[in-house]
Amino acid sequence: MFSYLIRRVISAVILLLIVSAVTFGIFFLLPKIAGQTTDQLAQQYIGKSPTPADIAAVKKNLGLDKPVYEQYWEFLKGIFTGVDYKFGPEAARCHVPCFGYSFKTHIEVWPEIQSRLPVTLSLAFGAAVVWLVSGITTGVISALRPGSLFDRLSMGVALAGVSLPMFFTGAIALALFTYQWPIFERSDYVPLFDNPLLWARTLVLPWVTLAFLYSALYARLTRAGMLETLSEDYIRTARAKGLGERTVVVRHGLRAALTPLITVFGMDLGLLLGGALITEQVFSLQGVGAFAVQAITANDLPNILGVTLLAAFFIVLCNLVVDVLYAAVDPRVRLS
């Protein structure tokens, strides 16, 4: 198990380096291939009406006149050592970890992301718990009673949940449970350790709304996987040996049906940790997703690059966790 984990960690690090290099190339190499000059590229990092001195400062600070591989090396080195940016007589320090520096707001990228990360983490993990519990439970019950009223009704609701877009269900939830019936009043995000009850109350409606979309998918996947698994020969053998129905369903049936769910869950959670753009916009949550939207609107390339790398990191990390969970659920994976 330890050697399997080491192999997966090394693969994840290599993959993260490849993703970061490709992302960096999209921001710094593709514009040059498209015909942009270094002055035009530097102007995008400043904003409207830049002076020649501003353009020269950005070109020097970012090393736009250097080859792209040197720029990428300096960027990687800056993550672990920090970077000093000079603007004539003035200077600015980008502290470790330095994921970039916004020349429009004159603020480091990482502290901006770090201040918004607790909102996105709270939203993603809370919604994940809700959709896992509700989705898997609904799928198992439906598989045990195929064709029943519960099965038909739950799968109909699941189909609606998969079909309806997030911005629609979020707007309906706000209209009903915040404005029509003020059960969940709109308020700013409250940190978990400041007031746990108010933290949960603020996020209940976003959790349930986001989980409605995902739990519908997980219910359908669980039902399909359980129906296939419960028809296998080893399940009939387990029942013939006199094992309890709960043991047969949970230990032998559900465990085998979890494999595809783990894959989907790793991707879904990784994407949400990188920023739930629509959910945060609908419920006015100032998380990483809302920060990404603001950066794109302002064409603030360093902030966009920082959010993109953070999202890539979470996706790679979640896939690493998925690989480890595979080995725990199915021991045959460790030998592959």
C-alpha atoms as a PDB file:
ATOM      1  CA  MET A   1       0.000   0.000   0.000  1.00  0.00           C
ATOM      2  CA  PHE A   2       2.847   2.398   0.852  1.00  0.00           C
ATOM      3  CA  SER A   3       4.625   1.860  -2.473  1.00  0.00           C
ATOM      4  CA  TYR A   4       1.304   2.322  -4.309  1.00  0.00           C
ATOM      5  CA  LEU A   5       0.781   5.626  -2.490  1.00  0.00           C
ATOM      6  CA  ILE A   6       4.317   6.823  -3.321  1.00  0.00           C
ATOM      7  CA  ARG A   7       3.781   6.054  -7.020  1.00  0.00           C
ATOM      8  CA  ARG A   8       0.526   7.991  -7.063  1.00  0.00           C
ATOM      9  CA  VAL A   9       2.054  10.991  -5.262  1.00  0.00           C
ATOM     10  CA  ILE A  10       4.942  11.147  -7.750  1.00  0.00           C
ATOM     11  CA  SER A  11       2.491  10.894 -10.652  1.00  0.00           C
ATOM     12  CA  ALA A  12       0.363  13.683  -9.148  1.00  0.00           C
ATOM     13  CA  VAL A  13       3.379  15.992  -8.767  1.00  0.00           C
ATOM     14  CA  ILE A  14       4.444  15.378 -12.374  1.00  0.00           C
ATOM     15  CA  LEU A  15       0.896  15.958 -13.601  1.00  0.00           C
ATOM     16  CA  LEU A  16       0.645  19.185 -11.606  1.00  0.00           C
ATOM     17  CA  LEU A  17       3.890  20.454 -13.158  1.00  0.00           C
ATOM     18  CA  ILE A  18       2.592  19.626 -16.640  1.00  0.00           C
ATOM     19  CA  VAL A  19      -0.735  21.366 -15.968  1.00  0.00           C
ATOM     20  CA  SER A  20       0.987  24.446 -14.557  1.00  0.00           C
ATOM     21  CA  ALA A  21       3.344  24.593 -17.565  1.00  0.00           C
ATOM     22  CA  VAL A  22       0.451  24.325 -20.019  1.00  0.00           C
ATOM     23  CA  THR A  23      -1.547  26.955 -18.138  1.00  0.00           C
ATOM     24  CA  PHE A  24       1.452  29.276 -18.006  1.00  0.00           C
ATOM     25  CA  GLY A  25       2.012  28.769 -21.726  1.00  0.00           C
ATOM     26  CA  ILE A  26      -1.603  29.695 -22.484  1.00  0.00           C
ATOM     27  CA  PHE A  27      -1.137  33.035 -20.745  1.00  0.00           C
ATOM     28  CA  PHE A  28       2.373  33.892 -21.935  1.00  0.00           C
ATOM     29  CA  LEU A  29       3.177  31.855 -25.069  1.00  0.00           C
ATOM     30  CA  LEU A  30      -0.063  31.792 -27.068  1.00  0.00           C
ATOM     31  CA  PRO A  31      -0.378  35.609 -27.245  1.00  0.00           C
ATOM     32  CA  LYS A  32       3.108  35.781 -28.787  1.00  0.00           C
ATOM     33  CA  ILE A  33       2.229  33.046 -31.273  1.00  0.00           C
ATOM     34  CA  ALA A  34      -0.910  35.027 -32.152  1.00  0.00           C
ATOM     35  CA  GLY A  35       1.272  38.016 -33.015  1.00  0.00           C
ATOM     36  CA  GLN A  36       1.153  40.161 -29.865  1.00  0.00           C
ATOM     37  CA  THR A  37       4.249  42.159 -29.000  1.00  0.00           C
ATOM     38  CA  THR A  38       5.681  42.258 -25.505  1.00  0.00           C
ATOM     39  CA  ASP A  39       4.397  45.827 -25.137  1.00  0.00           C
ATOM     40  CA  GLN A  40       0.849  44.735 -25.995  1.00  0.00           C
ATOM     41  CA  LEU A  41       1.076  41.778 -23.616  1.00  0.00           C
ATOM     42  CA  ALA A  42       2.384  43.997 -20.821  1.00  0.00           C
ATOM     43  CA  GLN A  43      -0.447  46.467 -21.423  1.00  0.00           C
ATOM     44  CA  GLN A  44      -3.008  43.733 -20.678  1.00  0.00           C
ATOM     45  CA  TYR A  45      -1.563  43.358 -17.195  1.00  0.00           C
ATOM     46  CA  ILE A  46      -1.881  47.064 -16.407  1.00  0.00           C
ATOM     47  CA  GLY A  47      -5.238  48.304 -17.619  1.00  0.00           C
ATOM     48  CA  LYS A  48      -6.421  51.353 -19.460  1.00  0.00           C
ATOM     49  CA  SER A  49      -4.168  54.262 -20.467  1.00  0.00           C
ATOM     50  CA  PRO A  50      -0.800  52.905 -19.293  1.00  0.00           C
ATOM     51  CA  THR A  51       2.259  55.091 -19.501  1.00  0.00           C
ATOM     52  CA  PRO A  52       5.450  53.917 -21.256  1.00  0.00           C
ATOM     53  CA  ALA A  53       7.084  53.722 -17.810  1.00  0.00           C
ATOM     54  CA  ASP A  54       4.339  51.393 -16.570  1.00  0.00           C
ATOM     55  CA  ILE A  55       4.717  49.138 -19.608  1.00  0.00           C
ATOM     56  CA  ALA A  56       8.497  49.019 -19.189  1.00  0.00           C
ATOM     57  CA  ALA A  57       8.145  48.178 -15.476  1.00  0.00           C
ATOM     58  CA  VAL A  58       5.743  45.295 -16.142  1.00  0.00           C
ATOM     59  CA  LYS A  59       7.942  43.927 -18.947  1.00  0.00           C
ATOM     60  CA  LYS A  60      10.920  43.931 -16.604  1.00  0.00           C
ATOM     61  CA  ASN A  61       9.056  42.495 -13.610  1.00  0.00           C
ATOM     62  CA  LEU A  62       7.483  39.660 -15.598  1.00  0.00           C
ATOM     63  CA  GLY A  63      10.525  39.098 -17.814  1.00  0.00           C
ATOM     64  CA  LEU A  64       8.416  39.277 -20.975  1.00  0.00           C
ATOM     65  CA  ASP A  65      11.500  39.790 -23.119  1.00  0.00           C
ATOM     66  CA  LYS A  66      12.957  36.472 -21.904  1.00  0.00           C
ATOM     67  CA  PRO A  67      12.164  33.040 -23.398  1.00  0.00           C
ATOM     68  CA  VAL A  68       8.989  31.459 -22.041  1.00  0.00           C
ATOM     69  CA  TYR A  69      10.841  28.618 -20.300  1.00  0.00           C
ATOM     70  CA  GLU A  70      12.874  31.167 -18.322  1.00  0.00           C
ATOM     71  CA  GLN A  71       9.689  33.023 -17.397  1.00  0.00           C
ATOM     72  CA  TYR A  72       8.131  29.741 -16.232  1.00  0.00           C
ATOM     73  CA  TRP A  73      11.191  28.862 -14.152  1.00  0.00           C
ATOM     74  CA  GLU A  74      11.120  32.285 -12.483  1.00  0.00           C
ATOM     75  CA  PHE A  75       7.407  31.802 -11.795  1.00  0.00           C
ATOM     76  CA  LEU A  76       7.998  28.390 -10.174  1.00  0.00           C
ATOM     77  CA  LYS A  77      10.915  29.729  -8.164  1.00  0.00           C
ATOM     78  CA  GLY A  78       8.812  32.672  -7.000  1.00  0.00           C
ATOM     79  CA  ILE A  79       6.221  30.314  -5.507  1.00  0.00           C
ATOM     80  CA  PHE A  80       8.829  29.014  -3.034  1.00  0.00           C
ATOM     81  CA  THR A  81      11.078  32.084  -2.609  1.00  0.00           C
ATOM     82  CA  GLY A  82       8.871  35.093  -3.314  1.00  0.00           C
ATOM     83  CA  VAL A  83       9.390  37.860  -5.871  1.00  0.00           C
ATOM     84  CA  ASP A  84      10.348  41.540  -5.660  1.00  0.00           C
ATOM     85  CA  TYR A  85       8.617  43.855  -8.149  1.00  0.00           C
ATOM     86  CA  LYS A  86      10.091  47.303  -8.806  1.00  0.00           C
ATOM     87  CA  PHE A  87       8.183  50.330 -10.072  1.00  0.00           C
ATOM     88  CA  GLY A  88      10.810  53.049 -10.421  1.00  0.00           C
ATOM     89  CA  PRO A  89      11.805  54.155  -6.915  1.00  0.00           C
ATOM     90  CA  GLU A  90       9.028  52.058  -5.375  1.00  0.00           C
ATOM     91  CA  ALA A  91       9.098  48.293  -4.787  1.00  0.00           C
ATOM     92  CA  ALA A  92       6.567  45.629  -3.856  1.00  0.00           C
ATOM     93  CA  ARG A  93       7.225  42.232  -2.307  1.00  0.00           C
ATOM     94  CA  CYS A  94       5.200  39.172  -3.347  1.00  0.00           C
ATOM     95  CA  HIS A  95       5.559  36.847  -0.380  1.00  0.00           C
ATOM     96  CA  VAL A  96       5.739  33.058  -0.361  1.00  0.00           C
ATOM     97  CA  PRO A  97       3.780  31.424  -1.917  1.00  0.00           C
ATOM     98  CA  CYS A  98       3.807  33.944  -4.756  1.00  0.00           C
ATOM     99  CA  PHE A  99       1.195  32.989  -7.363  1.00  0.00           C
ATOM    100  CA  GLY A 100       1.427  36.374  -9.029  1.00  0.00           C
ATOM    101  CA  TYR A 101       0.910  40.058  -8.444  1.00  0.00           C
ATOM    102  CA  SER A 102      -1.978  42.122  -9.784  1.00  0.00           C
ATOM    103  CA  PHE A 103      -0.594  45.253 -11.426  1.00  0.00           C
ATOM    104  CA  LYS A 104      -4.126  46.701 -11.583  1.00  0.00           C
ATOM    105  CA  THR A 105      -4.977  46.471  -7.882  1.00  0.00           C
ATOM    106  CA  HIS A 106      -1.354  46.253  -6.637  1.00  0.00           C
ATOM    107  CA  ILE A 107      -2.310  43.318  -4.421  1.00  0.00           C
ATOM    108  CA  GLU A 108      -0.747  39.855  -4.285  1.00  0.00           C
ATOM    109  CA  VAL A 109      -2.850  37.076  -5.793  1.00  0.00           C
ATOM    110  CA  TRP A 110      -2.478  34.468  -3.037  1.00  0.00           C
ATOM    111  CA  PRO A 111      -3.745  36.595  -0.085  1.00  0.00           C
ATOM    112  CA  GLU A 112      -6.812  37.485  -2.168  1.00  0.00           C
ATOM    113  CA  ILE A 113      -7.505  33.821  -2.898  1.00  0.00           C
ATOM    114  CA  GLN A 114      -6.686  32.792   0.677  1.00  0.00           C
ATOM    115  CA  SER A 115      -9.232  35.225   2.116  1.00  0.00           C
ATOM    116  CA  ARG A 116     -11.970  33.749  -0.080  1.00  0.00           C
ATOM    117  CA  LEU A 117     -10.980  30.092   0.162  1.00  0.00           C
ATOM    118  CA  PRO A 118     -12.875  29.354   3.440  1.00  0.00           C
ATOM    119  CA  VAL A 119     -16.153  30.333   1.743  1.00  0.00           C
ATOM    120  CA  THR A 120     -15.595  27.934  -1.153  1.00  0.00           C
ATOM    121  CA  LEU A 121     -14.343  25.137   1.127  1.00  0.00           C
ATOM    122  CA  SER A 122     -17.390  25.484   3.372  1.00  0.00           C
ATOM    123  CA  LEU A 123     -19.744  25.475   0.398  1.00  0.00           C
ATOM    124  CA  ALA A 124     -18.093  22.514  -1.371  1.00  0.00           C
ATOM    125  CA  PHE A 125     -17.621  20.177   1.609  1.00  0.00           C
ATOM    126  CA  GLY A 126     -21.016  20.949   3.143  1.00  0.00           C
ATOM    127  CA  ALA A 127     -22.839  20.347  -0.139  1.00  0.00           C
ATOM    128  CA  ALA A 128     -20.773  17.181  -0.738  1.00  0.00           C
ATOM    129  CA  VAL A 129     -21.927  15.674   2.566  1.00  0.00           C
ATOM    130  CA  VAL A 130     -25.570  16.458   1.742  1.00  0.00           C
ATOM    131  CA  TRP A 131     -25.498  15.063  -1.801  1.00  0.00           C
ATOM    132  CA  LEU A 132     -23.537  11.925  -0.837  1.00  0.00           C
ATOM    133  CA  VAL A 133     -25.884  10.997   1.994  1.00  0.00           C
ATOM    134  CA  SER A 134     -29.093  11.816   0.141  1.00  0.00           C
ATOM    135  CA  GLY A 135     -28.010  10.547  -3.279  1.00  0.00           C
ATOM    136  CA  ILE A 136     -26.532   7.217  -2.202  1.00  0.00           C
ATOM    137  CA  THR A 137     -29.354   6.503   0.254  1.00  0.00           C
ATOM    138  CA  THR A 138     -32.003   7.229  -2.374  1.00  0.00           C
ATOM    139  CA  GLY A 139     -30.197   5.124  -4.968  1.00  0.00           C
ATOM    140  CA  VAL A 140     -29.845   2.112  -2.642  1.00  0.00           C
ATOM    141  CA  ILE A 141     -33.511   2.183  -1.588  1.00  0.00           C
ATOM    142  CA  SER A 142     -34.626   2.515  -5.206  1.00  0.00           C
ATOM    143  CA  ALA A 143     -32.443  -0.444  -6.227  1.00  0.00           C
ATOM    144  CA  LEU A 144     -33.877  -2.601  -3.425  1.00  0.00           C
ATOM    145  CA  ARG A 145     -37.431  -1.751  -4.514  1.00  0.00           C
ATOM    146  CA  PRO A 146     -37.302  -1.447  -8.309  1.00  0.00           C
ATOM    147  CA  GLY A 147     -40.570  -0.417  -9.905  1.00  0.00           C
ATOM    148  CA  SER A 148     -42.120   0.726  -6.613  1.00  0.00           C
ATOM    149  CA  LEU A 149     -43.766   4.096  -6.092  1.00  0.00           C
ATOM    150  CA  PHE A 150     -40.682   5.350  -4.233  1.00  0.00           C
ATOM    151  CA  ASP A 151     -38.436   4.222  -7.086  1.00  0.00           C
ATOM    152  CA  ARG A 152     -40.508   5.940  -9.758  1.00  0.00           C
ATOM    153  CA  LEU A 153     -40.986   9.124  -7.756  1.00  0.00           C
ATOM    154  CA  SER A 154     -37.336   9.431  -6.671  1.00  0.00           C
ATOM    155  CA  MET A 155     -35.997   8.776 -10.158  1.00  0.00           C
ATOM    156  CA  GLY A 156     -38.440  11.353 -11.562  1.00  0.00           C
ATOM    157  CA  VAL A 157     -37.174  13.948  -9.082  1.00  0.00           C
ATOM    158  CA  ALA A 158     -33.598  12.899  -9.892  1.00  0.00           C
ATOM    159  CA  LEU A 159     -34.235  13.423 -13.595  1.00  0.00           C
ATOM    160  CA  ALA A 160     -35.544  16.917 -12.841  1.00  0.00           C
ATOM    161  CA  GLY A 161     -32.532  17.647 -10.654  1.00  0.00           C
ATOM    162  CA  VAL A 162     -30.090  16.623 -13.380  1.00  0.00           C
ATOM    163  CA  SER A 163     -31.978  18.586 -16.039  1.00  0.00           C
ATOM    164  CA  LEU A 164     -32.531  21.901 -14.252  1.00  0.00           C
ATOM    165  CA  PRO A 165     -29.591  24.353 -14.349  1.00  0.00           C
ATOM    166  CA  MET A 166     -28.096  25.648 -11.132  1.00  0.00           C
ATOM    167  CA  PHE A 167     -28.941  29.293 -11.725  1.00  0.00           C
ATOM    168  CA  PHE A 168     -32.642  28.342 -12.130  1.00  0.00           C
ATOM    169  CA  THR A 169     -32.942  26.178  -9.002  1.00  0.00           C
ATOM    170  CA  GLY A 170     -30.923  28.733  -7.015  1.00  0.00           C
ATOM    171  CA  ALA A 171     -33.204  31.593  -8.068  1.00  0.00           C
ATOM    172  CA  ILE A 172     -36.322  29.532  -7.265  1.00  0.00           C
ATOM    173  CA  ALA A 173     -34.918  28.576  -3.840  1.00  0.00           C
ATOM    174  CA  LEU A 174     -34.171  32.225  -3.042  1.00  0.00           C
ATOM    175  CA  ALA A 175     -37.603  33.364  -4.226  1.00  0.00           C
ATOM    176  CA  LEU A 176     -39.428  30.749  -2.118  1.00  0.00           C
ATOM    177  CA  PHE A 177     -37.377  30.313   1.042  1.00  0.00           C
ATOM    178  CA  THR A 178     -35.853  33.776   1.407  1.00  0.00           C
ATOM    179  CA  TYR A 179     -38.355  36.274  -0.016  1.00  0.00           C
ATOM    180  CA  GLN A 180     -41.744  34.476  -0.076  1.00  0.00           C
ATOM    181  CA  TRP A 181     -41.238  32.578   3.174  1.00  0.00           C
ATOM    182  CA  PRO A 182     -38.271  34.124   5.013  1.00  0.00           C
ATOM    183  CA  ILE A 183     -36.978  30.861   6.460  1.00  0.00           C
ATOM    184  CA  PHE A 184     -33.377  31.521   5.442  1.00  0.00           C
ATOM    185  CA  GLU A 185     -32.593  35.217   5.509  1.00  0.00           C
ATOM    186  CA  ARG A 186     -29.790  36.448   3.270  1.00  0.00           C
ATOM    187  CA  SER A 187     -26.698  37.450   5.212  1.00  0.00           C
ATOM    188  CA  ASP A 188     -22.967  37.667   4.714  1.00  0.00           C
ATOM    189  CA  TYR A 189     -20.752  34.628   5.220  1.00  0.00           C
ATOM    190  CA  VAL A 190     -19.810  34.009   8.844  1.00  0.00           C
ATOM    191  CA  PRO A 191     -16.586  32.055   9.553  1.00  0.00           C
ATOM    192  CA  LEU A 192     -17.073  28.617  11.079  1.00  0.00           C
ATOM    193  CA  PHE A 193     -15.135  29.263  14.280  1.00  0.00           C
ATOM    194  CA  ASP A 194     -16.736  32.666  14.883  1.00  0.00           C
ATOM    195  CA  ASN A 195     -20.282  31.306  15.101  1.00  0.00           C
ATOM    196  CA  PRO A 196     -20.842  27.684  13.972  1.00  0.00           C
ATOM    197  CA  LEU A 197     -24.653  27.923  14.112  1.00  0.00           C
ATOM    198  CA  LEU A 198     -24.805  31.124  12.072  1.00  0.00           C
ATOM    199  CA  TRP A 199     -22.198  29.670   9.662  1.00  0.00           C
ATOM    200  CA  ALA A 200     -24.421  26.660   9.005  1.00  0.00           C
ATOM    201  CA  ARG A 201     -27.603  28.740   8.790  1.00  0.00           C
ATOM    202  CA  THR A 202     -26.010  31.000   6.188  1.00  0.00           C
ATOM    203  CA  LEU A 203     -25.010  28.042   4.013  1.00  0.00           C
ATOM    204  CA  VAL A 204     -27.972  25.661   4.407  1.00  0.00           C
ATOM    205  CA  LEU A 205     -29.837  26.980   1.358  1.00  0.00           C
ATOM    206  CA  PRO A 206     -26.746  26.973  -0.942  1.00  0.00           C
ATOM    207  CA  TRP A 207     -25.870  23.470   0.314  1.00  0.00           C
ATOM    208  CA  VAL A 208     -29.319  22.041  -0.380  1.00  0.00           C
ATOM    209  CA  THR A 209     -29.645  23.790  -3.741  1.00  0.00           C
ATOM    210  CA  LEU A 210     -26.218  22.645  -4.923  1.00  0.00           C
ATOM    211  CA  ALA A 211     -26.760  19.151  -3.506  1.00  0.00           C
ATOM    212  CA  PHE A 212     -30.082  18.850  -5.371  1.00  0.00           C
ATOM    213  CA  LEU A 213     -28.177  18.950  -8.648  1.00  0.00           C
ATOM    214  CA  TYR A 214     -25.483  16.478  -7.626  1.00  0.00           C
ATOM    215  CA  SER A 215     -27.551  14.102  -5.468  1.00  0.00           C
ATOM    216  CA  ALA A 216     -29.846  13.488  -8.430  1.00  0.00           C
ATOM    217  CA  LEU A 217     -26.895  12.247 -10.485  1.00  0.00           C
ATOM    218  CA  TYR A 218     -25.530  10.150  -7.606  1.00  0.00           C
ATOM    219  CA  ALA A 219     -28.932   8.579  -6.956  1.00  0.00           C
ATOM    220  CA  ARG A 220     -29.195   7.439 -10.578  1.00  0.00           C
ATOM    221  CA  LEU A 221     -25.616   6.137 -10.630  1.00  0.00           C
ATOM    222  CA  THR A 222     -26.063   4.312  -7.316  1.00  0.00           C
ATOM    223  CA  ARG A 223     -29.328   2.729  -8.433  1.00  0.00           C
ATOM    224  CA  ALA A 224     -27.826   1.499 -11.715  1.00  0.00           C
ATOM    225  CA  GLY A 225     -24.710   0.161  -9.986  1.00  0.00           C
ATOM    226  CA  MET A 226     -26.679  -1.574  -7.236  1.00  0.00           C
ATOM    227  CA  LEU A 227     -29.111  -3.227  -9.668  1.00  0.00           C
ATOM    228  CA  GLU A 228     -26.190  -4.632 -11.615  1.00  0.00           C
ATOM    229  CA  THR A 229     -24.306  -5.740  -8.497  1.00  0.00           C
ATOM    230  CA  LEU A 230     -27.291  -7.364  -6.752  1.00  0.00           C
ATOM    231  CA  SER A 231     -27.813  -9.636  -9.755  1.00  0.00           C
ATOM    232  CA  GLU A 232     -24.290 -11.077  -9.537  1.00  0.00           C
ATOM    233  CA  ASP A 233     -23.652 -14.672  -8.540  1.00  0.00           C
ATOM    234  CA  TYR A 234     -21.612 -13.813  -5.448  1.00  0.00           C
ATOM    235  CA  ILE A 235     -24.561 -11.851  -4.022  1.00  0.00           C
ATOM    236  CA  ARG A 236     -26.817 -14.915  -4.384  1.00  0.00           C
ATOM    237  CA  THR A 237     -24.066 -16.991  -2.789  1.00  0.00           C
ATOM    238  CA  ALA A 238     -23.831 -14.592   0.153  1.00  0.00           C
ATOM    239  CA  ARG A 239     -27.593 -14.805   0.707  1.00  0.00           C
ATOM    240  CA  ALA A 240     -27.507 -18.593   0.384  1.00  0.00           C
ATOM    241  CA  LYS A 241     -24.841 -18.735   3.117  1.00  0.00           C
ATOM    242  CA  GLY A 242     -27.313 -17.075   5.472  1.00  0.00           C
ATOM    243  CA  LEU A 243     -25.742 -13.627   5.699  1.00  0.00           C
ATOM    244  CA  GLY A 244     -28.034 -10.842   6.869  1.00  0.00           C
ATOM    245  CA  GLU A 245     -29.625  -8.611   4.239  1.00  0.00           C
ATOM    246  CA  ARG A 246     -27.877  -5.535   5.623  1.00  0.00           C
ATOM    247  CA  THR A 247     -24.490  -7.261   5.345  1.00  0.00           C
ATOM    248  CA  VAL A 248     -25.224  -8.405   1.810  1.00  0.00           C
ATOM    249  CA  VAL A 249     -26.402  -4.964   0.666  1.00  0.00           C
ATOM    250  CA  VAL A 250     -23.836  -2.767   2.431  1.00  0.00           C
ATOM    251  CA  ARG A 251     -20.698  -4.896   2.606  1.00  0.00           C
ATOM    252  CA  HIS A 252     -20.977  -6.797  -0.662  1.00  0.00           C
ATOM    253  CA  GLY A 253     -23.371  -4.835  -2.866  1.00  0.00           C
ATOM    254  CA  LEU A 254     -22.769  -1.174  -2.075  1.00  0.00           C
ATOM    255  CA  ARG A 255     -19.015  -1.562  -1.762  1.00  0.00           C
ATOM    256  CA  ALA A 256     -18.769  -2.872  -5.323  1.00  0.00           C
ATOM    257  CA  ALA A 257     -21.114  -0.178  -6.616  1.00  0.00           C
ATOM    258  CA  LEU A 258     -19.043   2.616  -5.046  1.00  0.00           C
ATOM    259  CA  THR A 259     -16.165   2.378  -7.544  1.00  0.00           C
ATOM    260  CA  PRO A 260     -17.697   4.556 -10.309  1.00  0.00           C
ATOM    261  CA  LEU A 261     -19.123   6.931  -7.679  1.00  0.00           C
ATOM    262  CA  ILE A 262     -15.651   7.552  -6.254  1.00  0.00           C
ATOM    263  CA  THR A 263     -14.392   8.613  -9.673  1.00  0.00           C
ATOM    264  CA  VAL A 264     -17.276  11.016 -10.245  1.00  0.00           C
ATOM    265  CA  PHE A 265     -17.055  12.382  -6.701  1.00  0.00           C
ATOM    266  CA  GLY A 266     -13.350  13.165  -7.039  1.00  0.00           C
ATOM    267  CA  MET A 267     -13.935  15.189 -10.202  1.00  0.00           C
ATOM    268  CA  ASP A 268     -17.022  16.964  -8.846  1.00  0.00           C
ATOM    269  CA  LEU A 269     -15.400  17.941  -5.557  1.00  0.00           C
ATOM    270  CA  GLY A 270     -12.203  19.074  -7.289  1.00  0.00           C
ATOM    271  CA  LEU A 271     -14.153  21.312  -9.652  1.00  0.00           C
ATOM    272  CA  LEU A 272     -16.173  22.809  -6.785  1.00  0.00           C
ATOM    273  CA  LEU A 273     -13.056  23.497  -4.702  1.00  0.00           C
ATOM    274  CA  GLY A 274     -11.677  25.407  -7.665  1.00  0.00           C
ATOM    275  CA  GLY A 275     -14.689  27.709  -7.417  1.00  0.00           C
ATOM    276  CA  ALA A 276     -18.445  27.204  -7.623  1.00  0.00           C
ATOM    277  CA  LEU A 277     -18.965  30.173  -9.925  1.00  0.00           C
ATOM    278  CA  ILE A 278     -22.731  30.012 -10.482  1.00  0.00           C
ATOM    279  CA  THR A 279     -23.672  29.075  -6.912  1.00  0.00           C
ATOM    280  CA  GLU A 280     -21.525  31.799  -5.396  1.00  0.00           C
ATOM    281  CA  GLN A 281     -22.938  34.369  -7.795  1.00  0.00           C
ATOM    282  CA  VAL A 282     -26.561  33.370  -7.153  1.00  0.00           C
ATOM    283  CA  PHE A 283     -26.221  33.428  -3.362  1.00  0.00           C
ATOM    284  CA  SER A 284     -23.785  36.396  -3.232  1.00  0.00           C
ATOM    285  CA  LEU A 285     -21.013  34.352  -1.607  1.00  0.00           C
ATOM    286  CA  GLN A 286     -17.587  35.953  -1.946  1.00  0.00           C
ATOM    287  CA  GLY A 287     -15.626  32.792  -2.608  1.00  0.00           C
ATOM    288  CA  VAL A 288     -13.011  31.761  -5.143  1.00  0.00           C
ATOM    289  CA  GLY A 289     -15.640  31.440  -7.877  1.00  0.00           C
ATOM    290  CA  ALA A 290     -16.862  34.997  -7.366  1.00  0.00           C
ATOM    291  CA  PHE A 291     -13.237  36.165  -7.313  1.00  0.00           C
ATOM    292  CA  ALA A 292     -12.652  34.412 -10.657  1.00  0.00           C
ATOM    293  CA  VAL A 293     -15.683  36.132 -12.192  1.00  0.00           C
ATOM    294  CA  GLN A 294     -14.459  39.515 -10.966  1.00  0.00           C
ATOM    295  CA  ALA A 295     -10.962  38.838 -12.330  1.00  0.00           C
ATOM    296  CA  ILE A 296     -12.338  37.826 -15.733  1.00  0.00           C
ATOM    297  CA  THR A 297     -14.601  40.890 -15.852  1.00  0.00           C
ATOM    298  CA  ALA A 298     -11.667  43.166 -15.040  1.00  0.00           C
ATOM    299  CA  ASN A 299      -9.339  41.223 -17.390  1.00  0.00           C
ATOM    300  CA  ASP A 300      -6.919  40.851 -14.479  1.00  0.00           C
ATOM    301  CA  LEU A 301      -4.654  38.136 -15.902  1.00  0.00           C
ATOM    302  CA  PRO A 302      -2.499  37.405 -12.802  1.00  0.00           C
ATOM    303  CA  ASN A 303      -5.630  36.751 -10.735  1.00  0.00           C
ATOM    304  CA  ILE A 304      -7.090  34.556 -13.482  1.00  0.00           C
ATOM    305  CA  LEU A 305      -3.832  32.592 -13.676  1.00  0.00           C
ATOM    306  CA  GLY A 306      -3.792  32.137  -9.896  1.00  0.00           C
ATOM    307  CA  VAL A 307      -7.374  30.826  -9.773  1.00  0.00           C
ATOM    308  CA  THR A 308      -6.714  28.505 -12.731  1.00  0.00           C
ATOM    309  CA  LEU A 309      -3.662  26.990 -11.045  1.00  0.00           C
ATOM    310  CA  LEU A 310      -5.565  26.598  -7.772  1.00  0.00           C
ATOM    311  CA  ALA A 311      -8.409  24.786  -9.549  1.00  0.00           C
ATOM    312  CA  ALA A 312      -5.899  22.513 -11.306  1.00  0.00           C
ATOM    313  CA  PHE A 313      -4.248  21.756  -7.954  1.00  0.00           C
ATOM    314  CA  PHE A 314      -7.540  20.744  -6.341  1.00  0.00           C
ATOM    315  CA  ILE A 315      -8.507  18.525  -9.282  1.00  0.00           C
ATOM    316  CA  VAL A 316      -5.132  16.738  -9.204  1.00  0.00           C
ATOM    317  CA  LEU A 317      -5.322  16.418  -5.402  1.00  0.00           C
ATOM    318  CA  CYS A 318      -8.846  14.966  -5.502  1.00  0.00           C
ATOM    319  CA  ASN A 319      -7.810  12.485  -8.182  1.00  0.00           C
ATOM    320  CA  LEU A 320      -4.910  11.420  -5.945  1.00  0.00           C
ATOM    321  CA  VAL A 321      -7.363  10.839  -3.085  1.00  0.00           C
ATOM    322  CA  VAL A 322      -9.588   8.866  -5.489  1.00  0.00           C
ATOM    323  CA  ASP A 323      -6.651   6.599  -6.377  1.00  0.00           C
ATOM    324  CA  VAL A 324      -6.024   5.933  -2.681  1.00  0.00           C
ATOM    325  CA  LEU A 325      -9.714   5.225  -2.049  1.00  0.00           C
ATOM    326  CA  TYR A 326      -9.710   2.798  -4.975  1.00  0.00           C
ATOM    327  CA  ALA A 327      -7.022   0.801  -3.231  1.00  0.00           C
ATOM    328  CA  ALA A 328      -9.051   0.789   0.001  1.00  0.00           C
ATOM    329  CA  VAL A 329     -12.303  -0.257  -1.691  1.00  0.00           C
ATOM    330  CA  ASP A 330     -10.778  -2.747  -4.162  1.00  0.00           C
ATOM    331  CA  PRO A 331      -7.484  -4.370  -2.992  1.00  0.00           C
ATOM    332  CA  ARG A 332      -6.855  -5.609  -6.560  1.00  0.00           C
ATOM    333  CA  VAL A 333      -5.965  -2.042  -7.548  1.00  0.00           C
ATOM    334  CA  ARG A 334      -2.846  -2.088  -5.349  1.00  0.00           C
ATOM    335  CA  LEU A 335      -1.396  -4.906  -7.428  1.00  0.00           C
ATOM    336  CA  SER A 336      -2.002  -3.227 -10.797  1.00  0.00           C
END
